[in-house]
């Protein structure tokens, strides 16, 4: 009986050690990412730890004022993955606490990538999501160059890119102005012109699926092996 207990204990400890040693996936972004990040963790599965540190209102300016990555990255495992999706709050000129000009955003994003690489993290950049905003039946680009800035940084620093702006734009356009309402809260209210809408559970699942597919495409063999466990 004692032998069985010790055997089970040894197996359990060994399993915990393996789980603790394998890379984590960190999600760093704003409230949009915080929402789809929950669905992402569900889709990845329980064998891989997802650290969702995305939060409402986060922008490059806010992150710097918080103390940068050191303020959020704790309990890091060697060679963790870091998915970054910022830009939604940075572009809002009316929000002085979060607003970050396009030039400053680009410079800060470059610095963020370098800071993460110094921590031995593999960075994957994600473009911000397309806005489900239609005007006279036409889907409008409201990102003001911030998605393109992320693409340029990914190319210049040779880091993987998940182009969620492109995939979400295609998805939203395919659904149409009425169809997309099933995936967001607040779209069918007078709040829409101000951007007061959020992904609901169904929308979060769709975006998380895009992010996971994108990660498998750009992450290489390390990601494939990690997510195959």
Protein backbone atom coordinates (compact mmCIF):
# COMPACT_ATOMS: atom_id res chain seq x y z
CA UNK A 1 0.00 0.00 0.00
CA UNK A 2 2.78 2.42 0.93
CA UNK A 3 4.61 1.57 -2.26
CA UNK A 4 1.55 2.44 -4.33
CA UNK A 5 1.16 5.79 -2.60
CA UNK A 6 4.83 6.67 -3.13
CA UNK A 7 4.64 5.57 -6.77
CA UNK A 8 1.59 7.76 -7.41
CA UNK A 9 3.25 10.67 -5.64
CA UNK A 10 6.40 10.29 -7.74
CA UNK A 11 4.37 10.21 -10.96
CA UNK A 12 2.38 13.27 -9.92
CA UNK A 13 5.50 15.26 -9.03
CA UNK A 14 7.14 14.22 -12.27
CA UNK A 15 4.09 15.38 -14.25
CA UNK A 16 4.07 18.75 -12.48
CA UNK A 17 7.78 19.17 -13.16
CA UNK A 18 7.31 18.51 -16.86
CA UNK A 19 4.40 20.96 -17.03
CA UNK A 20 6.37 23.64 -15.20
CA UNK A 21 9.41 23.18 -17.43
CA UNK A 22 7.66 23.46 -20.78
CA UNK A 23 7.19 26.86 -22.43
CA UNK A 24 4.21 29.04 -21.59
CA UNK A 25 2.25 31.21 -24.00
CA UNK A 26 1.82 34.79 -22.81
CA UNK A 27 -0.84 37.08 -24.24
CA UNK A 28 -0.05 40.80 -23.96
CA UNK A 29 -2.62 43.23 -25.27
CA UNK A 30 -5.69 45.33 -24.63
CA UNK A 31 -9.24 44.44 -23.59
CA UNK A 32 -10.00 42.91 -26.98
CA UNK A 33 -7.20 40.40 -26.54
CA UNK A 34 -8.18 39.83 -22.92
CA UNK A 35 -11.57 38.70 -24.22
CA UNK A 36 -10.49 36.37 -27.00
CA UNK A 37 -7.55 35.22 -24.87
CA UNK A 38 -9.88 33.22 -22.64
CA UNK A 39 -11.22 31.34 -25.64
CA UNK A 40 -7.66 30.90 -26.92
CA UNK A 41 -6.64 29.17 -23.67
CA UNK A 42 -9.63 26.83 -23.98
CA UNK A 43 -8.74 25.94 -27.56
CA UNK A 44 -5.06 25.37 -26.75
CA UNK A 45 -6.03 22.91 -24.03
CA UNK A 46 -5.01 22.16 -20.47
CA UNK A 47 -1.59 20.71 -21.32
CA UNK A 48 -0.16 24.13 -22.26
CA UNK A 49 -0.22 27.03 -19.81
CA UNK A 50 -1.56 30.28 -21.25
CA UNK A 51 -0.83 33.43 -19.24
CA UNK A 52 -3.40 36.01 -20.30
CA UNK A 53 -1.97 39.33 -19.08
CA UNK A 54 -3.94 41.43 -21.55
CA UNK A 55 -6.08 44.08 -19.91
CA UNK A 56 -8.59 46.80 -20.66
CA UNK A 57 -7.11 50.13 -21.66
CA UNK A 58 -3.59 48.87 -22.30
CA UNK A 59 -1.54 50.80 -24.86
CA UNK A 60 2.16 51.29 -25.44
CA UNK A 61 2.05 54.49 -23.41
CA UNK A 62 0.22 52.82 -20.52
CA UNK A 63 2.56 49.82 -20.60
CA UNK A 64 5.61 52.10 -20.35
CA UNK A 65 4.10 53.96 -17.41
CA UNK A 66 3.43 50.63 -15.68
CA UNK A 67 7.10 49.71 -15.96
CA UNK A 68 7.11 47.74 -19.21
CA UNK A 69 7.36 43.96 -19.45
CA UNK A 70 8.95 43.62 -16.03
CA UNK A 71 5.68 44.78 -14.46
CA UNK A 72 3.69 41.95 -16.08
CA UNK A 73 6.01 39.04 -16.89
CA UNK A 74 6.54 36.98 -13.76
CA UNK A 75 7.14 33.25 -13.29
CA UNK A 76 8.63 33.01 -16.77
CA UNK A 77 9.82 29.68 -18.12
CA UNK A 78 12.82 29.47 -20.42
CA UNK A 79 11.96 30.24 -24.05
CA UNK A 80 8.32 31.21 -23.47
CA UNK A 81 6.20 32.59 -26.29
CA UNK A 82 4.82 36.14 -26.20
CA UNK A 83 1.91 37.17 -28.40
CA UNK A 84 1.54 40.96 -28.56
CA UNK A 85 -1.57 42.75 -29.83
CA UNK A 86 -1.66 46.50 -29.23
CA UNK A 87 -2.83 49.52 -31.19
CA UNK A 88 -6.55 49.73 -30.48
CA UNK A 89 -6.15 52.16 -27.59
CA UNK A 90 -2.99 53.80 -28.94
CA UNK A 91 -4.84 55.29 -31.92
CA UNK A 92 -7.57 56.99 -29.88
CA UNK A 93 -6.56 60.66 -29.82
CA UNK A 94 -9.41 61.52 -27.44
CA UNK A 95 -8.00 59.20 -24.76
CA UNK A 96 -5.00 61.18 -23.54
CA UNK A 97 -4.07 58.54 -20.97
CA UNK A 98 -3.58 55.88 -23.64
CA UNK A 99 -2.97 57.72 -26.90
CA UNK A 100 0.36 57.07 -28.57
CA UNK A 101 1.22 58.69 -31.89
CA UNK A 102 1.99 56.39 -34.78
CA UNK A 103 5.71 57.19 -34.66
CA UNK A 104 5.90 56.70 -30.89
CA UNK A 105 3.86 53.51 -31.14
CA UNK A 106 6.29 52.11 -33.70
CA UNK A 107 9.36 52.99 -31.63
CA UNK A 108 7.86 51.57 -28.46
CA UNK A 109 6.85 48.36 -30.23
CA UNK A 110 10.41 47.88 -31.45
CA UNK A 111 11.68 48.43 -27.89
CA UNK A 112 9.11 45.95 -26.57
CA UNK A 113 10.29 43.25 -28.96
CA UNK A 114 13.91 43.81 -27.95
CA UNK A 115 12.97 43.71 -24.24
CA UNK A 116 11.13 40.40 -24.70
CA UNK A 117 14.01 38.89 -26.65
CA UNK A 118 16.38 39.82 -23.85
CA UNK A 119 14.13 37.73 -21.62
CA UNK A 120 14.66 34.82 -24.05
CA UNK A 121 11.04 34.95 -25.19
CA UNK A 122 9.92 34.20 -28.74
CA UNK A 123 7.82 37.19 -29.82
CA UNK A 124 4.88 36.87 -32.21
CA UNK A 125 3.27 40.16 -33.20
CA UNK A 126 -0.45 40.38 -33.92
CA UNK A 127 -2.07 43.22 -35.81
CA UNK A 128 -5.08 44.83 -34.06
CA UNK A 129 -8.51 43.58 -35.03
CA UNK A 130 -10.52 45.22 -37.77
CA UNK A 131 -13.44 47.23 -36.41
CA UNK A 132 -16.92 45.93 -37.27
CA UNK A 133 -17.91 49.43 -38.33
CA UNK A 134 -19.95 50.00 -41.47
CA UNK A 135 -20.80 53.29 -43.12
CA UNK A 136 -23.49 53.24 -45.78
CA UNK A 137 -23.06 49.50 -46.07
CA UNK A 138 -19.28 49.60 -46.50
CA UNK A 139 -16.82 48.19 -43.95
CA UNK A 140 -14.56 51.06 -42.85
CA UNK A 141 -10.87 50.84 -41.91
CA UNK A 142 -10.55 52.74 -38.62
CA UNK A 143 -7.07 51.61 -37.58
CA UNK A 144 -5.32 54.62 -39.09
CA UNK A 145 -2.09 52.90 -40.05
CA UNK A 146 -1.46 51.13 -36.73
CA UNK A 147 -1.95 47.66 -38.22
CA UNK A 148 0.48 48.51 -40.99
CA UNK A 149 2.97 49.76 -38.39
CA UNK A 150 2.90 46.34 -36.71
CA UNK A 151 3.51 44.67 -40.06
CA UNK A 152 6.50 46.90 -40.76
CA UNK A 153 8.03 46.22 -37.34
CA UNK A 154 7.59 42.46 -37.81
CA UNK A 155 9.39 42.64 -41.16
CA UNK A 156 12.18 44.93 -39.96
CA UNK A 157 12.92 42.85 -36.87
CA UNK A 158 12.29 39.50 -38.58
CA UNK A 159 9.72 38.32 -36.04
CA UNK A 160 6.63 36.22 -36.83
CA UNK A 161 3.38 38.04 -37.56
CA UNK A 162 -0.23 36.94 -37.16
CA UNK A 163 -2.22 39.35 -39.31
CA UNK A 164 -5.46 39.35 -37.34
CA UNK A 165 -6.49 42.64 -38.96
CA UNK A 166 -6.54 40.98 -42.37
CA UNK A 167 -8.27 37.79 -41.24
CA UNK A 168 -10.83 39.58 -39.05
CA UNK A 169 -11.56 42.11 -41.83
CA UNK A 170 -12.26 39.26 -44.23
CA UNK A 171 -14.43 37.53 -41.62
CA UNK A 172 -16.43 40.66 -40.77
CA UNK A 173 -16.91 41.56 -44.43
CA UNK A 174 -18.15 38.05 -45.15
CA UNK A 175 -20.72 38.25 -42.34
CA UNK A 176 -22.07 41.59 -43.46
CA UNK A 177 -23.43 44.44 -41.36
CA UNK A 178 -26.34 42.43 -39.98
CA UNK A 179 -24.61 39.07 -39.65
CA UNK A 180 -21.69 40.42 -37.61
CA UNK A 181 -24.04 41.56 -34.85
CA UNK A 182 -24.30 37.97 -33.61
CA UNK A 183 -20.62 38.08 -32.59
CA UNK A 184 -20.46 41.41 -30.77
CA UNK A 185 -22.23 43.12 -27.90
CA UNK A 186 -23.29 46.71 -28.53
CA UNK A 187 -23.32 46.78 -32.32
CA UNK A 188 -27.04 47.40 -32.65
CA UNK A 189 -27.10 50.42 -30.34
CA UNK A 190 -26.42 54.12 -30.74
CA UNK A 191 -23.06 53.52 -29.06
CA UNK A 192 -21.55 52.05 -32.25
CA UNK A 193 -20.08 55.22 -33.80
CA UNK A 194 -18.06 55.75 -30.60
CA UNK A 195 -16.70 52.22 -30.79
CA UNK A 196 -18.50 51.00 -27.69
CA UNK A 197 -18.73 47.33 -28.59
CA UNK A 198 -17.05 44.13 -27.46
CA UNK A 199 -16.67 40.61 -28.76
CA UNK A 200 -19.20 38.28 -27.17
CA UNK A 201 -18.40 34.62 -26.46
CA UNK A 202 -19.08 33.54 -30.03
CA UNK A 203 -16.93 36.33 -31.43
CA UNK A 204 -14.12 35.55 -29.01
CA UNK A 205 -14.11 31.91 -30.12
CA UNK A 206 -13.80 32.94 -33.77
CA UNK A 207 -10.91 35.35 -33.18
CA UNK A 208 -9.15 32.87 -30.89
CA UNK A 209 -9.37 30.28 -33.65
CA UNK A 210 -7.76 32.74 -36.08
CA UNK A 211 -4.99 33.46 -33.59
CA UNK A 212 -4.32 29.77 -32.93
CA UNK A 213 -4.28 28.93 -36.63
CA UNK A 214 -1.94 31.85 -37.21
CA UNK A 215 0.36 30.76 -34.42
CA UNK A 216 0.61 27.27 -35.86
CA UNK A 217 1.44 28.76 -39.26
CA UNK A 218 4.18 31.16 -38.15
CA UNK A 219 5.54 29.55 -35.00
CA UNK A 220 7.49 26.78 -36.65
CA UNK A 221 8.31 23.36 -35.24
CA UNK A 222 8.58 24.56 -31.63
CA UNK A 223 4.99 25.73 -31.60
CA UNK A 224 3.77 22.63 -33.43
CA UNK A 225 5.45 20.34 -30.90
CA UNK A 226 4.18 22.38 -27.95
CA UNK A 227 0.56 22.44 -29.09
CA UNK A 228 0.61 18.80 -30.19
CA UNK A 229 1.14 17.60 -26.61
